[in-house]
Protein backbone atom coordinates (compact mmCIF):
# COMPACT_ATOMS: atom_id res chain seq x y z
CA MET A 1 0.00 0.00 0.00
CA SER A 2 1.23 3.50 -0.72
CA ALA A 3 2.73 5.80 1.87
CA GLY A 4 0.74 8.57 3.51
CA THR A 5 -1.92 8.80 6.15
CA ARG A 6 -4.73 6.31 6.41
CA MET A 7 -7.08 8.95 5.05
CA ASP A 8 -4.75 9.43 2.05
CA ARG A 9 -4.70 5.67 1.42
CA ILE A 10 -8.49 5.46 1.67
CA ARG A 11 -8.93 8.40 -0.72
CA SER A 12 -6.41 6.90 -3.19
CA ALA A 13 -8.11 3.50 -3.18
CA LEU A 14 -11.52 5.08 -3.75
CA LEU A 15 -10.22 7.28 -6.58
CA ALA A 16 -8.63 4.25 -8.23
CA ALA A 17 -12.03 2.52 -8.23
CA PHE A 18 -14.13 5.62 -8.97
CA PRO A 19 -11.93 8.06 -10.95
CA ASP A 20 -14.74 10.59 -11.46
CA ALA A 21 -15.72 10.64 -7.79
CA VAL A 22 -15.97 13.52 -5.39
CA ILE A 23 -14.71 11.99 -2.15
CA THR A 24 -14.73 13.09 1.47
CA VAL A 25 -12.93 11.02 4.10
CA GLN A 26 -13.30 11.71 7.81
CA ASP A 27 -11.40 10.03 10.64
CA ASP A 28 -13.89 9.33 13.44
CA SER A 29 -11.46 7.26 15.53
CA HIS A 30 -11.35 9.81 18.34
CA LEU A 31 -15.06 9.22 18.91
CA HIS A 32 -14.38 5.56 19.66
CA ALA A 33 -11.42 5.79 22.04
CA GLY A 34 -11.56 2.91 24.48
CA HIS A 35 -13.83 0.89 22.16
CA ALA A 36 -12.78 -2.77 21.98
CA GLY A 37 -12.28 -2.52 18.22
CA ALA A 38 -9.87 0.38 18.65
CA ALA A 39 -7.43 -1.98 20.38
CA THR A 40 -6.48 -3.44 16.99
CA GLY A 41 -4.98 -0.12 15.93
CA ARG A 42 -7.33 0.16 12.98
CA GLY A 43 -9.53 3.24 12.75
CA HIS A 44 -13.13 4.33 12.40
CA PHE A 45 -13.85 6.32 9.24
CA SER A 46 -16.72 7.96 7.37
CA VAL A 47 -16.59 8.27 3.60
CA ARG A 48 -18.79 10.12 1.16
CA VAL A 49 -18.36 9.03 -2.44
CA MET A 50 -20.31 10.73 -5.22
CA SER A 51 -19.77 8.97 -8.55
CA ALA A 52 -21.64 8.32 -11.79
CA ALA A 53 -20.67 4.67 -11.26
CA PHE A 54 -23.48 4.48 -8.69
CA GLU A 55 -26.17 5.59 -11.15
CA GLY A 56 -29.07 3.13 -11.03
CA LEU A 57 -27.50 0.95 -8.31
CA PRO A 58 -29.38 0.14 -5.12
CA LEU A 59 -27.86 1.16 -1.79
CA LEU A 60 -26.49 -2.31 -1.01
CA ALA A 61 -24.68 -2.53 -4.37
CA ARG A 62 -23.13 0.92 -3.85
CA HIS A 63 -21.88 -0.09 -0.40
CA ARG A 64 -20.49 -3.36 -1.75
CA ALA A 65 -18.61 -1.44 -4.45
CA VAL A 66 -17.02 0.82 -1.81
CA TYR A 67 -16.08 -2.18 0.37
CA THR A 68 -14.56 -3.88 -2.67
CA ALA A 69 -12.47 -0.78 -3.41
CA LEU A 70 -11.24 -0.69 0.19
CA ASP A 71 -10.84 -4.45 0.70
CA ALA A 72 -7.10 -4.44 1.46
CA LEU A 73 -7.45 -1.48 3.82
CA MET A 74 -10.30 -3.20 5.65
CA GLN A 75 -7.71 -5.80 6.67
CA THR A 76 -5.03 -3.35 7.82
CA ASP A 77 -6.32 0.18 8.46
CA ILE A 78 -10.10 0.27 8.85
CA HIS A 79 -12.04 -1.21 11.75
CA ALA A 80 -15.37 0.50 11.05
CA LEU A 81 -16.67 2.39 8.04
CA ALA A 82 -19.72 4.62 7.60
CA ILE A 83 -20.58 4.98 3.91
CA ASP A 84 -22.55 7.59 1.99
CA ALA A 85 -22.30 6.50 -1.66
CA ARG A 86 -24.51 8.12 -4.26
CA PRO A 87 -24.61 9.27 -7.85
CA PRO A 88 -24.27 13.00 -8.60
CA GLY A 89 -27.40 15.07 -8.22
């Protein structure tokens, strides 16, 4: 995986999968300090991905596409992920 912060790596992976996307990544880890999942060192993140690739897809398919794009990071960097994935407009 490339160098940079976790947020940089998340953004890069999403842009690789959705090149036209407008992406916002937020680190929510501080809100979960002391949470059992935080003990792994992986973080809690929120992402907003707006891409034409989501046009006509149901919510579950959009979320699956985001999880697929972030698969490797789900194993190393991300403990929990809140997703807002939608087409433009």
